[in-house]
Each structure stands twice: as structure tokens, then as C-alpha cells.
């Protein structure tokens, strides 16, 4: 079994929002129960934002409810959805609430992957070149409010799209 995305942040969310045991959370997140207890006691995980595995479709609501009712029930990670070829051809709709998060994703991409071209960032986040340039130059109208956040976690693009663009970067060979 593989671990959920951001296991400690997922464990933190499960601690805050469920009545699961440390053992159940540890098995699901592939953490030792003492690590889970340290998160619960706030000895570790400072500044860590909780990550909802149900909203991220990594855990079903039914499995979560069953595990809360019976401590012997184990949480199971849902299989990631396969991207259909039709979804890649058709432009995806981004809700208004997510569009406000695009500058955060652009800032994250510029900071952690500065070798990405503007065209690649446009394909990943579906934005405009003017927006990218204004964030890069620090002249964006909401520059003070922009926090660097991963576009995959924000739900602006699938991990596969980001990985494909990162693989296509031509890195100079060391000679």
C-alpha cells in the first residue's frame, strides 16, 4: 500500500476532524503511532497545514465512518483516477474560487521550478503570460496576498501534467 499525499498533513487533518486511533492513522499514513501522537501533542508539525484526504479523493467517506465506529477497521487509500484521453483534449473549467488561487500556484512554480518556460506554466496552470510576468516582476495587483502553493494541492492541475512538463525541461549536461 502506498502512502497518501503529504502523510503528516493528512494525519494532522485526521487528528483534528475524526475520532480515529493513533494506530489507525499511523497505518493509513504510514507513520509510527508515536509520530502521530507527537503530531497530536503538537510536539512536531509546526506550521503544517492539515490536508483533507476525503476532499482530495484519497479516502472514501464511507471507509472513514466505518473506521471511526470500529477501531479494528483499517483505512484504505483509494486508487488515483486515470486521466482519460478526452479530458486532455478538452479544456477544463476552473471554478471562480480556484481562479483566485492561480497566482499562488504561479509563484510556487516560479520559485521551485524557475527553469520552466512561460508556455509550460501556461499549460500547467492555464493562465496568461501577463499574469506570469506581473508575478515575476512583483507588480501583480495582489502581490502582498500571494502565498506560494503547489498547483497540484490546490487542484489546478493533476500531478501527471506537472510531471510531464518537468520531464520535458532540457537540462544542460555537465561536461
Protein backbone atom coordinates (compact mmCIF):
# COMPACT_ATOMS: atom_id res chain seq x y z
CA UNK A 1 0.00 0.00 0.00
CA UNK A 2 1.31 3.44 -0.82
CA UNK A 3 1.06 6.43 1.49
CA UNK A 4 -1.39 9.29 0.91
CA UNK A 5 -0.18 12.60 -0.47
CA UNK A 6 1.52 14.58 2.33
CA UNK A 7 1.19 11.91 5.06
CA UNK A 8 1.90 14.16 8.06
CA UNK A 9 -0.51 16.86 6.89
CA UNK A 10 -3.11 14.12 6.25
CA UNK A 11 -2.50 12.70 9.73
CA UNK A 12 -2.95 16.17 11.20
CA UNK A 13 -6.31 16.56 9.44
CA UNK A 14 -7.44 13.12 10.63
CA UNK A 15 -6.44 14.02 14.20
CA UNK A 16 -8.37 17.30 14.07
CA UNK A 17 -11.51 16.01 12.33
CA UNK A 18 -12.03 12.38 13.35
CA UNK A 19 -12.06 10.07 16.36
CA UNK A 20 -9.63 7.56 14.84
CA UNK A 21 -6.96 5.90 16.95
CA UNK A 22 -3.27 6.76 16.59
CA UNK A 23 -2.77 3.20 15.28
CA UNK A 24 -5.40 3.63 12.52
CA UNK A 25 -4.00 6.99 11.44
CA UNK A 26 -0.43 5.67 11.56
CA UNK A 27 -1.25 2.66 9.39
CA UNK A 28 -3.08 4.79 6.80
CA UNK A 29 -0.38 7.49 6.65
CA UNK A 30 2.48 5.02 7.05
CA UNK A 31 3.68 6.76 10.20
CA UNK A 32 4.63 5.23 13.53
CA UNK A 33 1.90 5.71 16.17
CA UNK A 34 4.40 7.72 18.24
CA UNK A 35 4.82 10.14 15.31
CA UNK A 36 1.04 10.51 15.19
CA UNK A 37 0.97 11.11 18.95
CA UNK A 38 3.70 13.76 18.60
CA UNK A 39 1.56 15.49 15.96
CA UNK A 40 -1.45 15.31 18.29
CA UNK A 41 0.57 16.73 21.19
CA UNK A 42 1.87 19.49 18.87
CA UNK A 43 5.47 18.46 19.52
CA UNK A 44 6.08 18.23 15.77
CA UNK A 45 4.44 19.61 12.65
CA UNK A 46 4.76 23.34 13.40
CA UNK A 47 3.36 25.37 10.52
CA UNK A 48 1.96 22.25 8.87
CA UNK A 49 -1.41 22.84 7.18
CA UNK A 50 -3.90 19.94 7.56
CA UNK A 51 -4.68 18.15 4.28
CA UNK A 52 -8.17 16.68 3.76
CA UNK A 53 -7.84 13.19 2.21
CA UNK A 54 -11.60 12.95 1.58
CA UNK A 55 -11.69 16.17 -0.47
CA UNK A 56 -8.56 15.01 -2.33
CA UNK A 57 -10.36 11.73 -3.13
CA UNK A 58 -7.72 9.63 -1.39
CA UNK A 59 -10.14 8.30 1.22
CA UNK A 60 -13.85 7.49 0.96
CA UNK A 61 -16.35 8.98 3.40
CA UNK A 62 -17.84 5.50 3.98
CA UNK A 63 -14.47 3.99 4.89
CA UNK A 64 -13.77 6.89 7.25
CA UNK A 65 -17.14 6.50 9.03
CA UNK A 66 -16.68 2.73 9.35
CA UNK A 67 -13.19 3.18 10.81
CA UNK A 68 -14.46 5.73 13.35
CA UNK A 69 -17.16 3.32 14.50
CA UNK A 70 -14.89 0.26 14.74
CA UNK A 71 -11.20 0.63 15.77
CA UNK A 72 -10.38 -2.67 14.03
CA UNK A 73 -11.33 -1.30 10.59
CA UNK A 74 -8.35 -0.10 8.55
CA UNK A 75 -8.46 2.95 6.31
CA UNK A 76 -7.76 2.18 2.67
CA UNK A 77 -6.24 4.54 0.14
CA UNK A 78 -8.39 5.00 -2.97
CA UNK A 79 -6.77 4.39 -6.34
CA UNK A 80 -6.00 7.58 -8.28
CA UNK A 81 -8.37 8.34 -11.13
CA UNK A 82 -6.97 7.59 -14.55
CA UNK A 83 -6.96 10.56 -16.88
CA UNK A 84 -9.00 9.89 -19.99
CA UNK A 85 -7.71 10.97 -23.39
CA UNK A 86 -10.87 13.05 -23.84
CA UNK A 87 -10.10 15.08 -20.70
CA UNK A 88 -6.68 16.03 -22.09
CA UNK A 89 -8.12 17.34 -25.35
CA UNK A 90 -10.93 19.36 -23.81
CA UNK A 91 -10.15 22.50 -21.84
CA UNK A 92 -11.03 22.09 -18.19
CA UNK A 93 -13.30 24.53 -16.39
CA UNK A 94 -11.78 26.16 -13.31
CA UNK A 95 -14.31 27.42 -10.74
CA UNK A 96 -14.10 31.06 -9.67
CA UNK A 97 -12.92 30.08 -6.20
CA UNK A 98 -9.94 28.23 -7.72
CA UNK A 99 -9.06 31.01 -10.16
CA UNK A 100 -8.13 33.25 -7.25
CA UNK A 101 -5.52 30.63 -6.29
CA UNK A 102 -3.72 30.71 -9.66
CA UNK A 103 -1.27 33.45 -8.63
CA UNK A 104 -0.26 31.30 -5.62
CA UNK A 105 0.43 28.37 -7.95
CA UNK A 106 2.35 30.56 -10.40
CA UNK A 107 4.51 31.93 -7.57
CA UNK A 108 5.22 28.36 -6.40
CA UNK A 109 6.22 27.27 -9.90
CA UNK A 110 8.47 30.31 -10.36
CA UNK A 111 10.19 29.69 -7.03
CA UNK A 112 10.62 25.90 -7.10
CA UNK A 113 10.92 25.38 -10.87
CA UNK A 114 12.46 28.55 -12.30
CA UNK A 115 13.62 26.64 -15.37
CA UNK A 116 10.02 26.21 -16.59
CA UNK A 117 9.19 28.40 -19.56
CA UNK A 118 6.21 30.74 -19.56
CA UNK A 119 4.50 28.45 -22.10
CA UNK A 120 4.89 25.48 -19.75
CA UNK A 121 3.47 27.44 -16.79
CA UNK A 122 0.54 28.49 -19.01
CA UNK A 123 -0.13 24.82 -19.86
CA UNK A 124 0.12 23.72 -16.23
CA UNK A 125 -1.99 26.43 -14.57
CA UNK A 126 -3.96 27.74 -17.60
CA UNK A 127 -3.11 31.39 -17.13
CA UNK A 128 -1.83 34.30 -19.21
CA UNK A 129 1.71 35.44 -19.91
CA UNK A 130 0.89 38.89 -18.50
CA UNK A 131 -0.06 37.35 -15.14
CA UNK A 132 3.17 35.35 -15.01
CA UNK A 133 5.25 38.43 -15.86
CA UNK A 134 3.48 40.58 -13.24
CA UNK A 135 4.10 37.98 -10.52
CA UNK A 136 7.73 37.55 -11.60
CA UNK A 137 8.23 41.35 -11.54
CA UNK A 138 6.32 41.80 -8.28
CA UNK A 139 3.78 44.16 -9.83
CA UNK A 140 0.70 41.92 -9.55
CA UNK A 141 -2.27 43.75 -8.01
CA UNK A 142 -2.45 41.27 -5.08
CA UNK A 143 1.28 40.61 -4.70
CA UNK A 144 1.13 41.08 -0.89
CA UNK A 145 -1.51 38.35 -0.57
CA UNK A 146 0.20 35.76 -2.78
CA UNK A 147 1.49 32.68 -0.94
CA UNK A 148 3.49 30.08 -2.84
CA UNK A 149 1.34 26.94 -3.01
CA UNK A 150 1.63 23.77 -5.07
CA UNK A 151 -0.83 23.77 -8.02
CA UNK A 152 -1.49 20.03 -7.55
CA UNK A 153 -2.55 20.54 -3.93
CA UNK A 154 -4.72 23.49 -4.99
CA UNK A 155 -6.42 21.26 -7.57
CA UNK A 156 -5.41 23.44 -10.52
CA UNK A 157 -3.65 20.61 -12.36
CA UNK A 158 -3.10 16.86 -11.99
CA UNK A 159 0.29 15.60 -10.79
CA UNK A 160 0.81 13.87 -14.15
CA UNK A 161 0.62 17.19 -16.04
CA UNK A 162 3.20 18.79 -13.74
CA UNK A 163 5.48 15.74 -14.01
CA UNK A 164 5.26 15.73 -17.83
CA UNK A 165 6.25 19.40 -18.04
CA UNK A 166 9.13 18.92 -15.60
CA UNK A 167 10.43 15.92 -17.58
CA UNK A 168 10.38 17.91 -20.81
CA UNK A 169 12.77 20.54 -19.43
CA UNK A 170 16.10 20.32 -21.22
CA UNK A 171 18.76 20.34 -18.52
CA UNK A 172 22.33 21.17 -19.61
CA UNK A 173 24.72 18.25 -19.30
CA UNK A 174 27.77 18.57 -17.09
CA UNK A 175 30.96 18.46 -19.14
